[in-house]
């Protein structure tokens, strides 16, 4: 969805226990950040994601 709509997006896969323990969020299975700021841990579908990024 991000690519289709020309929205910059970077996914970071946590691959170790140490990375999870040092992550900037207590919920490490999914977290959405924007400009380094935590936004939500709610998983996004296309519609929710676009609504969030378009304000």
N, C-alpha and C. Protein backbone atom coordinates (compact mmCIF):
# COMPACT_ATOMS: atom_id res chain seq x y z
N UNK A 1 0.83 -1.19 0.00
CA UNK A 1 0.00 0.00 0.00
C UNK A 1 0.87 1.25 0.00
N UNK A 2 1.90 1.26 0.84
CA UNK A 2 2.79 2.42 0.88
C UNK A 2 3.46 2.62 -0.47
N UNK A 3 3.99 1.56 -1.04
CA UNK A 3 4.67 1.66 -2.33
C UNK A 3 3.72 2.13 -3.42
N UNK A 4 2.52 1.55 -3.45
CA UNK A 4 1.52 1.92 -4.46
C UNK A 4 1.15 3.39 -4.38
N UNK A 5 1.21 3.96 -3.18
CA UNK A 5 0.80 5.35 -2.96
C UNK A 5 1.98 6.29 -2.76
N UNK A 6 3.18 5.83 -3.13
CA UNK A 6 4.41 6.63 -3.03
C UNK A 6 4.63 7.20 -1.63
N UNK A 7 4.41 6.37 -0.63
CA UNK A 7 4.61 6.75 0.76
C UNK A 7 5.89 6.05 1.24
N UNK A 8 6.88 6.82 1.69
CA UNK A 8 8.11 6.19 2.17
C UNK A 8 7.80 5.25 3.34
N UNK A 9 8.36 4.06 3.29
CA UNK A 9 8.07 3.04 4.31
C UNK A 9 9.30 2.17 4.51
N UNK A 10 9.62 1.88 5.75
CA UNK A 10 10.74 1.00 6.07
C UNK A 10 10.28 -0.01 7.12
N UNK A 11 10.39 -1.27 6.80
CA UNK A 11 10.05 -2.33 7.76
C UNK A 11 11.34 -2.82 8.40
N UNK A 12 11.30 -2.98 9.70
CA UNK A 12 12.45 -3.50 10.44
C UNK A 12 12.01 -4.78 11.13
N UNK A 13 12.66 -5.86 10.77
CA UNK A 13 12.33 -7.16 11.35
C UNK A 13 13.24 -7.43 12.55
N UNK A 14 12.63 -7.59 13.70
CA UNK A 14 13.38 -7.91 14.91
C UNK A 14 13.69 -9.40 14.87
N UNK A 15 14.97 -9.71 14.96
CA UNK A 15 15.37 -11.09 14.75
C UNK A 15 15.98 -11.77 15.97
N UNK A 16 16.10 -11.04 17.06
CA UNK A 16 16.69 -11.68 18.23
C UNK A 16 16.01 -11.19 19.51
N UNK A 17 16.22 -11.93 20.54
CA UNK A 17 15.67 -11.56 21.84
C UNK A 17 16.26 -10.22 22.30
N UNK A 18 17.55 -10.04 22.06
CA UNK A 18 18.23 -8.81 22.44
C UNK A 18 17.64 -7.60 21.71
N UNK A 19 17.39 -7.74 20.42
CA UNK A 19 16.76 -6.65 19.65
C UNK A 19 15.38 -6.34 20.20
N UNK A 20 14.62 -7.36 20.55
CA UNK A 20 13.28 -7.15 21.10
C UNK A 20 13.34 -6.43 22.45
N UNK A 21 14.27 -6.82 23.28
CA UNK A 21 14.40 -6.20 24.59
C UNK A 21 14.85 -4.75 24.50
N UNK A 22 15.54 -4.40 23.43
CA UNK A 22 16.04 -3.03 23.25
C UNK A 22 15.20 -2.21 22.28
N UNK A 23 14.09 -2.74 21.85
CA UNK A 23 13.20 -2.03 20.93
C UNK A 23 12.56 -0.84 21.65
N UNK A 24 12.24 0.22 20.91
CA UNK A 24 11.67 1.42 21.54
C UNK A 24 10.18 1.30 21.86
N UNK A 25 9.66 0.11 21.88
CA UNK A 25 8.25 -0.12 22.20
C UNK A 25 8.10 -1.43 22.97
N UNK A 26 7.17 -1.51 23.90
CA UNK A 26 7.00 -2.76 24.64
C UNK A 26 6.33 -3.85 23.82
N UNK A 27 5.72 -3.49 22.72
CA UNK A 27 5.03 -4.45 21.86
C UNK A 27 5.88 -4.66 20.62
N UNK A 28 6.52 -5.79 20.54
CA UNK A 28 7.51 -5.98 19.47
C UNK A 28 7.01 -6.80 18.29
N UNK A 29 5.77 -7.29 18.34
CA UNK A 29 5.29 -8.04 17.18
C UNK A 29 4.84 -7.09 16.07
N UNK A 30 4.45 -5.86 16.42
CA UNK A 30 4.08 -4.87 15.42
C UNK A 30 4.03 -3.51 16.09
N UNK A 31 4.68 -2.54 15.50
CA UNK A 31 4.60 -1.16 15.98
C UNK A 31 4.81 -0.24 14.78
N UNK A 32 4.06 0.84 14.73
CA UNK A 32 4.17 1.79 13.63
C UNK A 32 4.74 3.09 14.17
N UNK A 33 5.81 3.55 13.54
CA UNK A 33 6.46 4.80 13.91
C UNK A 33 6.41 5.76 12.72
N UNK A 34 6.41 7.04 13.02
CA UNK A 34 6.50 8.06 11.98
C UNK A 34 7.50 9.10 12.46
N UNK A 35 8.53 9.36 11.66
CA UNK A 35 9.60 10.29 12.02
C UNK A 35 10.18 9.98 13.40
N UNK A 36 10.34 8.69 13.71
CA UNK A 36 10.92 8.27 14.97
C UNK A 36 9.97 8.29 16.16
N UNK A 37 8.73 8.68 15.92
CA UNK A 37 7.74 8.76 16.99
C UNK A 37 6.77 7.57 16.90
N UNK A 38 6.55 6.92 18.03
CA UNK A 38 5.62 5.79 18.09
C UNK A 38 4.20 6.28 17.81
N UNK A 39 3.51 5.60 16.90
CA UNK A 39 2.13 5.96 16.55
C UNK A 39 1.14 4.95 17.13
N UNK A 40 1.31 3.68 16.82
CA UNK A 40 0.35 2.66 17.27
C UNK A 40 0.94 1.26 17.16
N UNK A 41 0.32 0.33 17.84
CA UNK A 41 0.66 -1.08 17.65
C UNK A 41 -0.50 -1.81 16.98
N UNK A 42 -1.51 -1.05 16.56
CA UNK A 42 -2.65 -1.63 15.85
C UNK A 42 -2.22 -2.01 14.44
N UNK A 43 -2.50 -3.24 14.05
CA UNK A 43 -2.15 -3.65 12.70
C UNK A 43 -3.06 -2.94 11.71
N UNK A 44 -2.47 -2.49 10.62
CA UNK A 44 -3.18 -1.68 9.64
C UNK A 44 -3.60 -2.50 8.43
N UNK A 45 -4.83 -2.26 7.97
CA UNK A 45 -5.19 -2.72 6.64
C UNK A 45 -4.98 -1.52 5.72
N UNK A 46 -5.20 -1.66 4.43
CA UNK A 46 -4.95 -0.58 3.48
C UNK A 46 -5.71 0.69 3.85
N UNK A 47 -6.99 0.53 4.14
CA UNK A 47 -7.86 1.67 4.42
C UNK A 47 -7.41 2.43 5.68
N UNK A 48 -7.11 1.70 6.74
CA UNK A 48 -6.67 2.34 7.99
C UNK A 48 -5.33 3.04 7.82
N UNK A 49 -4.42 2.39 7.11
CA UNK A 49 -3.10 2.97 6.88
C UNK A 49 -3.21 4.27 6.10
N UNK A 50 -3.96 4.27 5.02
CA UNK A 50 -4.11 5.48 4.22
C UNK A 50 -4.81 6.60 4.98
N UNK A 51 -5.78 6.23 5.79
CA UNK A 51 -6.47 7.24 6.61
C UNK A 51 -5.49 7.86 7.60
N UNK A 52 -4.65 7.05 8.19
CA UNK A 52 -3.68 7.54 9.16
C UNK A 52 -2.66 8.48 8.50
N UNK A 53 -2.11 8.09 7.36
CA UNK A 53 -1.07 8.92 6.75
C UNK A 53 -1.62 10.15 6.04
N UNK A 54 -2.88 10.11 5.67
CA UNK A 54 -3.47 11.26 4.99
C UNK A 54 -4.18 12.21 5.95
N UNK A 55 -4.17 11.86 7.24
CA UNK A 55 -4.73 12.73 8.26
C UNK A 55 -6.20 12.64 8.34
